[in-house]
Amino acid sequence: MNNARKIVWCVLFIFICCSCVAAKEVHHYVFFNIDRQKISEPSFIDTKSFEGAQLKYRWRELEPEKDSYDFSAIRKDFTFLTSKGKKLFIQLQDVSFDQGVEGICNGLSQS
């Protein structure tokens, strides 16, 4: 009888916990990495279930020189996507495992 009581309490606890958790709406973003030109492809733009695009911006392109910022690429992508009813998810990259990719500008690197 004691084991049955424990099982009932466990099931009741799980039921109460699960009923409190509401399912959230799923949002679909397509990751284009640094291939920003692909956001204009009809297969993305015309797919209503895609809420937006996730684009990677390297810190080096946003700050080409120390204390000199250029956000024109973000503005351009944001303007284009909003004109098509899409959202922009920004990913900033300041480091990379790829030796050929420099994440930050020369003025900030610590070599």
PDB file of N, CA and C in Angstrom:
ATOM      1  N   MET A   1       0.812  -1.201   0.000  1.00  0.00           N
ATOM      2  CA  MET A   1       0.000   0.000   0.000  1.00  0.00           C
ATOM      3  C   MET A   1       0.855   1.264   0.000  1.00  0.00           C
ATOM      4  N   ASN A   2       1.987   1.225   0.701  1.00  0.00           N
ATOM      5  CA  ASN A   2       2.876   2.369   0.785  1.00  0.00           C
ATOM      6  C   ASN A   2       3.452   2.717  -0.589  1.00  0.00           C
ATOM      7  N   ASN A   3       3.838   1.708  -1.381  1.00  0.00           N
ATOM      8  CA  ASN A   3       4.361   1.934  -2.722  1.00  0.00           C
ATOM      9  C   ASN A   3       3.292   2.500  -3.653  1.00  0.00           C
ATOM     10  N   ALA A   4       2.090   2.023  -3.504  1.00  0.00           N
ATOM     11  CA  ALA A   4       0.988   2.526  -4.332  1.00  0.00           C
ATOM     12  C   ALA A   4       0.740   3.997  -4.038  1.00  0.00           C
ATOM     13  N   ARG A   5       0.820   4.366  -2.760  1.00  0.00           N
ATOM     14  CA  ARG A   5       0.618   5.763  -2.379  1.00  0.00           C
ATOM     15  C   ARG A   5       1.712   6.640  -2.992  1.00  0.00           C
ATOM     16  N   LYS A   6       2.965   6.175  -2.990  1.00  0.00           N
ATOM     17  CA  LYS A   6       4.074   6.935  -3.573  1.00  0.00           C
ATOM     18  C   LYS A   6       3.877   7.127  -5.074  1.00  0.00           C
ATOM     19  N   ILE A   7       3.417   6.073  -5.721  1.00  0.00           N
ATOM     20  CA  ILE A   7       3.187   6.152  -7.165  1.00  0.00           C
ATOM     21  C   ILE A   7       2.091   7.160  -7.472  1.00  0.00           C
ATOM     22  N   VAL A   8       1.010   7.132  -6.693  1.00  0.00           N
ATOM     23  CA  VAL A   8      -0.096   8.075  -6.907  1.00  0.00           C
ATOM     24  C   VAL A   8       0.405   9.506  -6.722  1.00  0.00           C
ATOM     25  N   TRP A   9       1.196   9.756  -5.686  1.00  0.00           N
ATOM     26  CA  TRP A   9       1.720  11.093  -5.449  1.00  0.00           C
ATOM     27  C   TRP A   9       2.659  11.534  -6.575  1.00  0.00           C
ATOM     28  N   CYS A  10       3.467  10.624  -7.057  1.00  0.00           N
ATOM     29  CA  CYS A  10       4.374  10.951  -8.167  1.00  0.00           C
ATOM     30  C   CYS A  10       3.605  11.301  -9.429  1.00  0.00           C
ATOM     31  N   VAL A  11       2.610  10.504  -9.745  1.00  0.00           N
ATOM     32  CA  VAL A  11       1.787  10.761 -10.933  1.00  0.00           C
ATOM     33  C   VAL A  11       1.058  12.090 -10.778  1.00  0.00           C
ATOM     34  N   LEU A  12       0.515  12.347  -9.606  1.00  0.00           N
ATOM     35  CA  LEU A  12      -0.183  13.610  -9.345  1.00  0.00           C
ATOM     36  C   LEU A  12       0.776  14.790  -9.484  1.00  0.00           C
ATOM     37  N   PHE A  13       1.978  14.655  -8.935  1.00  0.00           N
ATOM     38  CA  PHE A  13       2.980  15.717  -9.034  1.00  0.00           C
ATOM     39  C   PHE A  13       3.344  15.998 -10.491  1.00  0.00           C
ATOM     40  N   ILE A  14       3.591  14.957 -11.258  1.00  0.00           N
ATOM     41  CA  ILE A  14       3.939  15.114 -12.676  1.00  0.00           C
ATOM     42  C   ILE A  14       2.785  15.752 -13.439  1.00  0.00           C
ATOM     43  N   PHE A  15       1.568  15.324 -13.164  1.00  0.00           N
ATOM     44  CA  PHE A  15       0.399  15.883 -13.838  1.00  0.00           C
ATOM     45  C   PHE A  15       0.273  17.376 -13.539  1.00  0.00           C
ATOM     46  N   ILE A  16       0.451  17.759 -12.284  1.00  0.00           N
ATOM     47  CA  ILE A  16       0.334  19.170 -11.909  1.00  0.00           C
ATOM     48  C   ILE A  16       1.434  19.994 -12.570  1.00  0.00           C
ATOM     49  N   CYS A  17       2.656  19.489 -12.562  1.00  0.00           N
ATOM     50  CA  CYS A  17       3.767  20.211 -13.181  1.00  0.00           C
ATOM     51  C   CYS A  17       3.577  20.372 -14.677  1.00  0.00           C
ATOM     52  N   CYS A  18       3.142  19.328 -15.327  1.00  0.00           N
ATOM     53  CA  CYS A  18       2.975  19.373 -16.780  1.00  0.00           C
ATOM     54  C   CYS A  18       1.805  20.262 -17.192  1.00  0.00           C
ATOM     55  N   SER A  19       0.783  20.323 -16.369  1.00  0.00           N
ATOM     56  CA  SER A  19      -0.367  21.146 -16.732  1.00  0.00           C
ATOM     57  C   SER A  19      -0.056  22.628 -16.594  1.00  0.00           C
ATOM     58  N   CYS A  20       0.965  22.973 -15.810  1.00  0.00           N
ATOM     59  CA  CYS A  20       1.358  24.376 -15.631  1.00  0.00           C
ATOM     60  C   CYS A  20       2.217  24.885 -16.778  1.00  0.00           C
ATOM     61  N   VAL A  21       2.811  23.985 -17.515  1.00  0.00           N
ATOM     62  CA  VAL A  21       3.688  24.370 -18.605  1.00  0.00           C
ATOM     63  C   VAL A  21       2.855  24.533 -19.871  1.00  0.00           C
ATOM     64  N   ALA A  22       2.836  25.742 -20.381  1.00  0.00           N
ATOM     65  CA  ALA A  22       2.078  26.004 -21.607  1.00  0.00           C
ATOM     66  C   ALA A  22       3.021  25.903 -22.799  1.00  0.00           C
ATOM     67  N   ALA A  23       2.534  25.321 -23.845  1.00  0.00           N
ATOM     68  CA  ALA A  23       3.343  25.194 -25.066  1.00  0.00           C
ATOM     69  C   ALA A  23       3.496  26.570 -25.700  1.00  0.00           C
ATOM     70  N   LYS A  24       4.720  26.905 -26.057  1.00  0.00           N
ATOM     71  CA  LYS A  24       5.006  28.178 -26.712  1.00  0.00           C
ATOM     72  C   LYS A  24       4.920  27.983 -28.220  1.00  0.00           C
ATOM     73  N   GLU A  25       4.582  29.066 -28.888  1.00  0.00           N
ATOM     74  CA  GLU A  25       4.529  29.027 -30.338  1.00  0.00           C
ATOM     75  C   GLU A  25       5.945  28.857 -30.888  1.00  0.00           C
ATOM     76  N   VAL A  26       6.090  28.037 -31.897  1.00  0.00           N
ATOM     77  CA  VAL A  26       7.387  27.778 -32.505  1.00  0.00           C
ATOM     78  C   VAL A  26       7.664  28.853 -33.554  1.00  0.00           C
ATOM     79  N   HIS A  27       8.899  29.357 -33.548  1.00  0.00           N
ATOM     80  CA  HIS A  27       9.325  30.363 -34.524  1.00  0.00           C
ATOM     81  C   HIS A  27      10.457  29.767 -35.351  1.00  0.00           C
ATOM     82  N   HIS A  28      10.328  29.852 -36.666  1.00  0.00           N
ATOM     83  CA  HIS A  28      11.322  29.264 -37.562  1.00  0.00           C
ATOM     84  C   HIS A  28      12.153  30.356 -38.230  1.00  0.00           C
ATOM     85  N   TYR A  29      13.458  30.293 -37.999  1.00  0.00           N
ATOM     86  CA  TYR A  29      14.408  31.187 -38.647  1.00  0.00           C
ATOM     87  C   TYR A  29      15.375  30.331 -39.453  1.00  0.00           C
ATOM     88  N   VAL A  30      15.723  30.816 -40.637  1.00  0.00           N
ATOM     89  CA  VAL A  30      16.664  30.096 -41.494  1.00  0.00           C
ATOM     90  C   VAL A  30      18.056  30.688 -41.263  1.00  0.00           C
ATOM     91  N   PHE A  31      19.024  29.809 -40.965  1.00  0.00           N
ATOM     92  CA  PHE A  31      20.399  30.249 -40.741  1.00  0.00           C
ATOM     93  C   PHE A  31      21.123  30.296 -42.077  1.00  0.00           C
ATOM     94  N   PHE A  32      21.501  31.505 -42.476  1.00  0.00           N
ATOM     95  CA  PHE A  32      22.192  31.688 -43.748  1.00  0.00           C
ATOM     96  C   PHE A  32      23.694  31.890 -43.570  1.00  0.00           C
ATOM     97  N   ASN A  33      24.175  31.878 -42.325  1.00  0.00           N
ATOM     98  CA  ASN A  33      25.587  32.106 -42.038  1.00  0.00           C
ATOM     99  C   ASN A  33      25.970  33.488 -42.564  1.00  0.00           C
ATOM    100  N   ILE A  34      27.020  33.586 -43.365  1.00  0.00           N
ATOM    101  CA  ILE A  34      27.420  34.882 -43.926  1.00  0.00           C
ATOM    102  C   ILE A  34      26.960  35.031 -45.378  1.00  0.00           C
ATOM    103  N   ASP A  35      26.160  34.111 -45.862  1.00  0.00           N
ATOM    104  CA  ASP A  35      25.649  34.145 -47.243  1.00  0.00           C
ATOM    105  C   ASP A  35      24.400  35.020 -47.310  1.00  0.00           C
ATOM    106  N   ARG A  36      24.581  36.309 -47.052  1.00  0.00           N
ATOM    107  CA  ARG A  36      23.440  37.223 -46.917  1.00  0.00           C
ATOM    108  C   ARG A  36      22.644  37.391 -48.203  1.00  0.00           C
ATOM    109  N   GLN A  37      23.260  37.167 -49.346  1.00  0.00           N
ATOM    110  CA  GLN A  37      22.541  37.331 -50.609  1.00  0.00           C
ATOM    111  C   GLN A  37      21.396  36.326 -50.744  1.00  0.00           C
ATOM    112  N   LYS A  38      21.467  35.229 -50.003  1.00  0.00           N
ATOM    113  CA  LYS A  38      20.445  34.190 -50.114  1.00  0.00           C
ATOM    114  C   LYS A  38      19.116  34.583 -49.479  1.00  0.00           C
ATOM    115  N   ILE A  39      19.090  35.659 -48.701  1.00  0.00           N
ATOM    116  CA  ILE A  39      17.811  36.060 -48.081  1.00  0.00           C
ATOM    117  C   ILE A  39      16.805  36.563 -49.107  1.00  0.00           C
ATOM    118  N   SER A  40      17.274  36.859 -50.309  1.00  0.00           N
ATOM    119  CA  SER A  40      16.350  37.340 -51.345  1.00  0.00           C
ATOM    120  C   SER A  40      15.811  36.214 -52.223  1.00  0.00           C
ATOM    121  N   GLU A  41      16.219  34.975 -51.963  1.00  0.00           N
ATOM    122  CA  GLU A  41      15.728  33.855 -52.769  1.00  0.00           C
ATOM    123  C   GLU A  41      14.244  33.610 -52.505  1.00  0.00           C
ATOM    124  N   PRO A  42      13.473  33.388 -53.568  1.00  0.00           N
ATOM    125  CA  PRO A  42      12.028  33.165 -53.412  1.00  0.00           C
ATOM    126  C   PRO A  42      11.683  31.981 -52.506  1.00  0.00           C
ATOM    127  N   SER A  43      12.527  30.953 -52.492  1.00  0.00           N
ATOM    128  CA  SER A  43      12.235  29.792 -51.645  1.00  0.00           C
ATOM    129  C   SER A  43      12.202  30.181 -50.170  1.00  0.00           C
ATOM    130  N   PHE A  44      12.904  31.235 -49.784  1.00  0.00           N
ATOM    131  CA  PHE A  44      12.848  31.738 -48.408  1.00  0.00           C
ATOM    132  C   PHE A  44      11.743  32.777 -48.253  1.00  0.00           C
ATOM    133  N   ILE A  45      11.746  33.763 -49.121  1.00  0.00           N
ATOM    134  CA  ILE A  45      10.793  34.875 -49.019  1.00  0.00           C
ATOM    135  C   ILE A  45       9.351  34.398 -49.095  1.00  0.00           C
ATOM    136  N   ASP A  46       9.065  33.452 -49.972  1.00  0.00           N
ATOM    137  CA  ASP A  46       7.683  32.996 -50.198  1.00  0.00           C
ATOM    138  C   ASP A  46       7.194  31.962 -49.197  1.00  0.00           C
ATOM    139  N   THR A  47       8.068  31.463 -48.344  1.00  0.00           N
ATOM    140  CA  THR A  47       7.668  30.455 -47.356  1.00  0.00           C
ATOM    141  C   THR A  47       7.186  31.159 -46.100  1.00  0.00           C
ATOM    142  N   LYS A  48       5.875  31.156 -45.882  1.00  0.00           N
ATOM    143  CA  LYS A  48       5.267  31.881 -44.766  1.00  0.00           C
ATOM    144  C   LYS A  48       5.677  31.328 -43.404  1.00  0.00           C
ATOM    145  N   SER A  49       6.009  30.049 -43.331  1.00  0.00           N
ATOM    146  CA  SER A  49       6.363  29.464 -42.036  1.00  0.00           C
ATOM    147  C   SER A  49       7.748  29.916 -41.556  1.00  0.00           C
ATOM    148  N   PHE A  50       8.556  30.497 -42.444  1.00  0.00           N
ATOM    149  CA  PHE A  50       9.841  31.049 -42.039  1.00  0.00           C
ATOM    150  C   PHE A  50       9.608  32.469 -41.537  1.00  0.00           C
ATOM    151  N   GLU A  51       9.800  32.656 -40.232  1.00  0.00           N
ATOM    152  CA  GLU A  51       9.549  33.966 -39.646  1.00  0.00           C
ATOM    153  C   GLU A  51      10.649  34.967 -39.975  1.00  0.00           C
ATOM    154  N   GLY A  52      11.854  34.464 -40.161  1.00  0.00           N
ATOM    155  CA  GLY A  52      12.938  35.386 -40.454  1.00  0.00           C
ATOM    156  C   GLY A  52      14.228  34.669 -40.780  1.00  0.00           C
ATOM    157  N   ALA A  53      15.303  35.462 -40.832  1.00  0.00           N
ATOM    158  CA  ALA A  53      16.624  34.947 -41.183  1.00  0.00           C
ATOM    159  C   ALA A  53      17.596  35.199 -40.045  1.00  0.00           C
ATOM    160  N   GLN A  54      18.465  34.213 -39.802  1.00  0.00           N
ATOM    161  CA  GLN A  54      19.568  34.378 -38.866  1.00  0.00           C
ATOM    162  C   GLN A  54      20.817  34.588 -39.703  1.00  0.00           C
ATOM    163  N   LEU A  55      21.430  35.751 -39.527  1.00  0.00           N
ATOM    164  CA  LEU A  55      22.618  36.097 -40.299  1.00  0.00           C
ATOM    165  C   LEU A  55      23.794  36.355 -39.374  1.00  0.00           C
ATOM    166  N   LYS A  56      24.964  35.923 -39.818  1.00  0.00           N
ATOM    167  CA  LYS A  56      26.186  36.107 -39.038  1.00  0.00           C
ATOM    168  C   LYS A  56      26.925  37.333 -39.561  1.00  0.00           C
ATOM    169  N   TYR A  57      27.342  38.176 -38.633  1.00  0.00           N
ATOM    170  CA  TYR A  57      28.153  39.339 -38.947  1.00  0.00           C
ATOM    171  C   TYR A  57      29.448  39.219 -38.155  1.00  0.00           C
ATOM    172  N   ARG A  58      30.552  39.323 -38.847  1.00  0.00           N
ATOM    173  CA  ARG A  58      31.841  39.276 -38.164  1.00  0.00           C
ATOM    174  C   ARG A  58      32.114  40.653 -37.572  1.00  0.00           C
ATOM    175  N   TRP A  59      32.606  40.637 -36.344  1.00  0.00           N
ATOM    176  CA  TRP A  59      32.884  41.911 -35.680  1.00  0.00           C
ATOM    177  C   TRP A  59      33.848  42.754 -36.507  1.00  0.00           C
ATOM    178  N   ARG A  60      34.732  42.097 -37.200  1.00  0.00           N
ATOM    179  CA  ARG A  60      35.727  42.785 -38.029  1.00  0.00           C
ATOM    180  C   ARG A  60      35.063  43.644 -39.105  1.00  0.00           C
ATOM    181  N   GLU A  61      33.937  43.173 -39.661  1.00  0.00           N
ATOM    182  CA  GLU A  61      33.277  43.979 -40.687  1.00  0.00           C
ATOM    183  C   GLU A  61      32.435  45.102 -40.073  1.00  0.00           C
ATOM    184  N   LEU A  62      32.038  44.948 -38.817  1.00  0.00           N
ATOM    185  CA  LEU A  62      31.266  45.992 -38.143  1.00  0.00           C
ATOM    186  C   LEU A  62      32.177  47.057 -37.529  1.00  0.00           C
ATOM    187  N   GLU A  63      33.404  46.666 -37.191  1.00  0.00           N
ATOM    188  CA  GLU A  63      34.403  47.600 -36.667  1.00  0.00           C
ATOM    189  C   GLU A  63      35.708  47.370 -37.431  1.00  0.00           C
ATOM    190  N   PRO A  64      35.784  47.886 -38.661  1.00  0.00           N
ATOM    191  CA  PRO A  64      36.972  47.626 -39.482  1.00  0.00           C
ATOM    192  C   PRO A  64      38.256  48.223 -38.900  1.00  0.00           C
ATOM    193  N   GLU A  65      38.122  49.317 -38.162  1.00  0.00           N
ATOM    194  CA  GLU A  65      39.250  49.932 -37.466  1.00  0.00           C
ATOM    195  C   GLU A  65      38.789  50.242 -36.052  1.00  0.00           C
ATOM    196  N   LYS A  66      39.710  50.302 -35.135  1.00  0.00           N
ATOM    197  CA  LYS A  66      39.362  50.549 -33.740  1.00  0.00           C
ATOM    198  C   LYS A  66      38.531  51.829 -33.619  1.00  0.00           C
ATOM    199  N   ASP A  67      37.394  51.697 -32.953  1.00  0.00           N
ATOM    200  CA  ASP A  67      36.460  52.802 -32.690  1.00  0.00           C
ATOM    201  C   ASP A  67      35.834  53.392 -33.953  1.00  0.00           C
ATOM    202  N   SER A  68      35.850  52.654 -35.047  1.00  0.00           N
ATOM    203  CA  SER A  68      35.214  53.067 -36.296  1.00  0.00           C
ATOM    204  C   SER A  68      34.217  51.977 -36.679  1.00  0.00           C
ATOM    205  N   TYR A  69      32.925  52.298 -36.608  1.00  0.00           N
ATOM    206  CA  TYR A  69      31.879  51.284 -36.778  1.00  0.00           C
ATOM    207  C   TYR A  69      31.125  51.473 -38.091  1.00  0.00           C
ATOM    208  N   ASP A  70      30.721  50.360 -38.670  1.00  0.00           N
ATOM    209  CA  ASP A  70      29.961  50.364 -39.917  1.00  0.00           C
ATOM    210  C   ASP A  70      28.856  49.318 -39.808  1.00  0.00           C
ATOM    211  N   PHE A  71      27.645  49.774 -39.542  1.00  0.00           N
ATOM    212  CA  PHE A  71      26.503  48.876 -39.405  1.00  0.00           C
ATOM    213  C   PHE A  71      25.631  48.862 -40.662  1.00  0.00           C
ATOM    214  N   SER A  72      26.176  49.307 -41.775  1.00  0.00           N
ATOM    215  CA  SER A  72      25.382  49.404 -43.010  1.00  0.00           C
ATOM    216  C   SER A  72      24.894  48.040 -43.490  1.00  0.00           C
ATOM    217  N   ALA A  73      25.680  46.982 -43.303  1.00  0.00           N
ATOM    218  CA  ALA A  73      25.244  45.640 -43.736  1.00  0.00           C
ATOM    219  C   ALA A  73      24.020  45.193 -42.930  1.00  0.00           C
ATOM    220  N   ILE A  74      24.036  45.463 -41.630  1.00  0.00           N
ATOM    221  CA  ILE A  74      22.884  45.101 -40.791  1.00  0.00           C
ATOM    222  C   ILE A  74      21.666  45.919 -41.195  1.00  0.00           C
ATOM    223  N   ARG A  75      21.856  47.220 -41.389  1.00  0.00           N
ATOM    224  CA  ARG A  75      20.732  48.083 -41.792  1.00  0.00           C
ATOM    225  C   ARG A  75      20.131  47.628 -43.121  1.00  0.00           C
ATOM    226  N   LYS A  76      21.005  47.292 -44.074  1.00  0.00           N
ATOM    227  CA  LYS A  76      20.537  46.858 -45.393  1.00  0.00           C
ATOM    228  C   LYS A  76      19.723  45.572 -45.281  1.00  0.00           C
ATOM    229  N   ASP A  77      20.238  44.586 -44.553  1.00  0.00           N
ATOM    230  CA  ASP A  77      19.530  43.313 -44.396  1.00  0.00           C
ATOM    231  C   ASP A  77      18.225  43.498 -43.630  1.00  0.00           C
ATOM    232  N   PHE A  78      18.260  44.309 -42.575  1.00  0.00           N
ATOM    233  CA  PHE A  78      17.063  44.564 -41.772  1.00  0.00           C
ATOM    234  C   PHE A  78      15.982  45.241 -42.616  1.00  0.00           C
ATOM    235  N   THR A  79      16.368  46.244 -43.379  1.00  0.00           N
ATOM    236  CA  THR A  79      15.410  46.958 -44.232  1.00  0.00           C
ATOM    237  C   THR A  79      14.792  46.017 -45.259  1.00  0.00           C
ATOM    238  N   PHE A  80      15.623  45.203 -45.889  1.00  0.00           N
ATOM    239  CA  PHE A  80      15.106  44.264 -46.890  1.00  0.00           C
ATOM    240  C   PHE A  80      14.138  43.267 -46.257  1.00  0.00           C
ATOM    241  N   LEU A  81      14.546  42.648 -45.156  1.00  0.00           N
ATOM    242  CA  LEU A  81      13.713  41.619 -44.529  1.00  0.00           C
ATOM    243  C   LEU A  81      12.387  42.188 -44.022  1.00  0.00           C
ATOM    244  N   THR A  82      12.422  43.347 -43.393  1.00  0.00           N
ATOM    245  CA  THR A  82      11.164  43.929 -42.897  1.00  0.00           C
ATOM    246  C   THR A  82      10.239  44.310 -44.049  1.00  0.00           C
ATOM    247  N   SER A  83      10.810  44.687 -45.177  1.00  0.00           N
ATOM    248  CA  SER A  83       9.969  45.007 -46.338  1.00  0.00           C
ATOM    249  C   SER A  83       9.244  43.765 -46.862  1.00  0.00           C
ATOM    250  N   LYS A  84       9.783  42.591 -46.548  1.00  0.00           N
ATOM    251  CA  LYS A  84       9.168  41.326 -46.969  1.00  0.00           C
ATOM    252  C   LYS A  84       8.393  40.663 -45.840  1.00  0.00           C
ATOM    253  N   GLY A  85       8.254  41.361 -44.704  1.00  0.00           N
ATOM    254  CA  GLY A  85       7.502  40.815 -43.574  1.00  0.00           C
ATOM    255  C   GLY A  85       8.284  39.791 -42.764  1.00  0.00           C
ATOM    256  N   LYS A  86       9.591  39.835 -42.862  1.00  0.00           N
ATOM    257  CA  LYS A  86      10.450  38.888 -42.144  1.00  0.00           C
ATOM    258  C   LYS A  86      11.228  39.619 -41.046  1.00  0.00           C
ATOM    259  N   LYS A  87      11.762  38.845 -40.101  1.00  0.00           N
ATOM    260  CA  LYS A  87      12.553  39.394 -39.003  1.00  0.00           C
ATOM    261  C   LYS A  87      14.017  39.005 -39.180  1.00  0.00           C
ATOM    262  N   LEU A  88      14.875  39.755 -38.480  1.00  0.00           N
ATOM    263  CA  LEU A  88      16.315  39.511 -38.548  1.00  0.00           C
ATOM    264  C   LEU A  88      16.811  39.060 -37.188  1.00  0.00           C
ATOM    265  N   PHE A  89      17.491  37.915 -37.153  1.00  0.00           N
ATOM    266  CA  PHE A  89      18.148  37.385 -35.957  1.00  0.00           C
ATOM    267  C   PHE A  89      19.643  37.567 -36.205  1.00  0.00           C
ATOM    268  N   ILE A  90      20.294  38.391 -35.387  1.00  0.00           N
ATOM    269  CA  ILE A  90      21.697  38.730 -35.599  1.00  0.00           C
ATOM    270  C   ILE A  90      22.606  37.845 -34.763  1.00  0.00           C
ATOM    271  N   GLN A  91      23.625  37.298 -35.401  1.00  0.00           N
ATOM    272  CA  GLN A  91      24.668  36.542 -34.707  1.00  0.00           C
ATOM    273  C   GLN A  91      25.983  37.277 -34.928  1.00  0.00           C
ATOM    274  N   LEU A  92      26.640  37.671 -33.833  1.00  0.00           N
ATOM    275  CA  LEU A  92      27.927  38.347 -33.931  1.00  0.00           C
ATOM    276  C   LEU A  92      29.051  37.354 -33.719  1.00  0.00           C
ATOM    277  N   GLN A  93      30.054  37.411 -34.578  1.00  0.00           N
ATOM    278  CA  GLN A  93      31.204  36.520 -34.466  1.00  0.00           C
ATOM    279  C   GLN A  93      32.448  37.358 -34.195  1.00  0.00           C
ATOM    280  N   ASP A  94      33.072  37.094 -33.043  1.00  0.00           N
ATOM    281  CA  ASP A  94      34.310  37.800 -32.742  1.00  0.00           C
ATOM    282  C   ASP A  94      35.518  36.868 -32.721  1.00  0.00           C
ATOM    283  N   VAL A  95      35.273  35.574 -32.734  1.00  0.00           N
ATOM    284  CA  VAL A  95      36.350  34.583 -32.818  1.00  0.00           C
ATOM    285  C   VAL A  95      35.905  33.468 -33.752  1.00  0.00           C
ATOM    286  N   SER A  96      36.872  32.687 -34.199  1.00  0.00           N
ATOM    287  CA  SER A  96      36.565  31.565 -35.078  1.00  0.00           C
ATOM    288  C   SER A  96      37.588  30.460 -34.852  1.00  0.00           C
ATOM    289  N   PHE A  97      37.159  29.234 -35.064  1.00  0.00           N
ATOM    290  CA  PHE A  97      38.071  28.104 -35.003  1.00  0.00           C
ATOM    291  C   PHE A  97      38.841  27.953 -36.312  1.00  0.00           C
ATOM    292  N   ASP A  98      38.396  28.667 -37.335  1.00  0.00           N
ATOM    293  CA  ASP A  98      39.041  28.645 -38.642  1.00  0.00           C
ATOM    294  C   ASP A  98      40.203  29.634 -38.621  1.00  0.00           C
ATOM    295  N   GLN A  99      41.410  29.156 -38.848  1.00  0.00           N
ATOM    296  CA  GLN A  99      42.597  30.011 -38.812  1.00  0.00           C
ATOM    297  C   GLN A  99      42.551  31.120 -39.862  1.00  0.00           C
ATOM    298  N   GLY A 100      41.816  30.896 -40.942  1.00  0.00           N
ATOM    299  CA  GLY A 100      41.741  31.881 -42.017  1.00  0.00           C
ATOM    300  C   GLY A 100      40.758  32.996 -41.760  1.00  0.00           C
ATOM    301  N   VAL A 101      39.996  32.919 -40.680  1.00  0.00           N
ATOM    302  CA  VAL A 101      38.989  33.936 -40.377  1.00  0.00           C
ATOM    303  C   VAL A 101      39.457  34.763 -39.197  1.00  0.00           C
ATOM    304  N   GLU A 102      39.563  36.069 -39.424  1.00  0.00           N
ATOM    305  CA  GLU A 102      39.917  36.992 -38.349  1.00  0.00           C
ATOM    306  C   GLU A 102      38.631  37.632 -37.853  1.00  0.00           C
ATOM    307  N   GLY A 103      38.349  37.446 -36.584  1.00  0.00           N
ATOM    308  CA  GLY A 103      37.082  37.919 -36.035  1.00  0.00           C
ATOM    309  C   GLY A 103      37.037  39.380 -35.668  1.00  0.00           C
ATOM    310  N   ILE A 104      38.151  39.958 -35.225  1.00  0.00           N
ATOM    311  CA  ILE A 104      38.144  41.345 -34.793  1.00  0.00           C
ATOM    312  C   ILE A 104      39.141  42.144 -35.582  1.00  0.00           C
ATOM    313  N   CYS A 105      39.007  43.474 -35.507  1.00  0.00           N
ATOM    314  CA  CYS A 105      39.897  44.330 -36.293  1.00  0.00           C
ATOM    315  C   CYS A 105      41.321  44.299 -35.737  1.00  0.00           C
ATOM    316  N   ASN A 106      42.263  44.712 -36.552  1.00  0.00           N
ATOM    317  CA  ASN A 106      43.671  44.686 -36.163  1.00  0.00           C
ATOM    318  C   ASN A 106      43.962  45.514 -34.925  1.00  0.00           C
ATOM    319  N   GLY A 107      43.251  46.609 -34.715  1.00  0.00           N
ATOM    320  CA  GLY A 107      43.481  47.463 -33.575  1.00  0.00           C
ATOM    321  C   GLY A 107      43.110  46.826 -32.257  1.00  0.00           C
ATOM    322  N   LEU A 108      42.290  45.784 -32.290  1.00  0.00           N
ATOM    323  CA  LEU A 108      41.840  45.132 -31.065  1.00  0.00           C
ATOM    324  C   LEU A 108      42.498  43.777 -30.827  1.00  0.00           C
ATOM    325  N   SER A 109      43.096  43.205 -31.845  1.00  0.00           N
ATOM    326  CA  SER A 109      43.674  41.870 -31.684  1.00  0.00           C
ATOM    327  C   SER A 109      44.882  41.913 -30.768  1.00  0.00           C
ATOM    328  N   GLN A 110      45.062  40.826 -30.027  1.00  0.00           N
ATOM    329  CA  GLN A 110      46.172  40.728 -29.083  1.00  0.00           C
ATOM    330  C   GLN A 110      47.115  39.636 -29.539  1.00  0.00           C
ATOM    331  N   SER A 111      47.935  39.923 -30.533  1.00  0.00           N
ATOM    332  CA  SER A 111      48.845  38.914 -31.052  1.00  0.00           C
ATOM    333  C   SER A 111      50.171  38.988 -30.345  1.00  0.00           C
TER     334      SER A 111
END
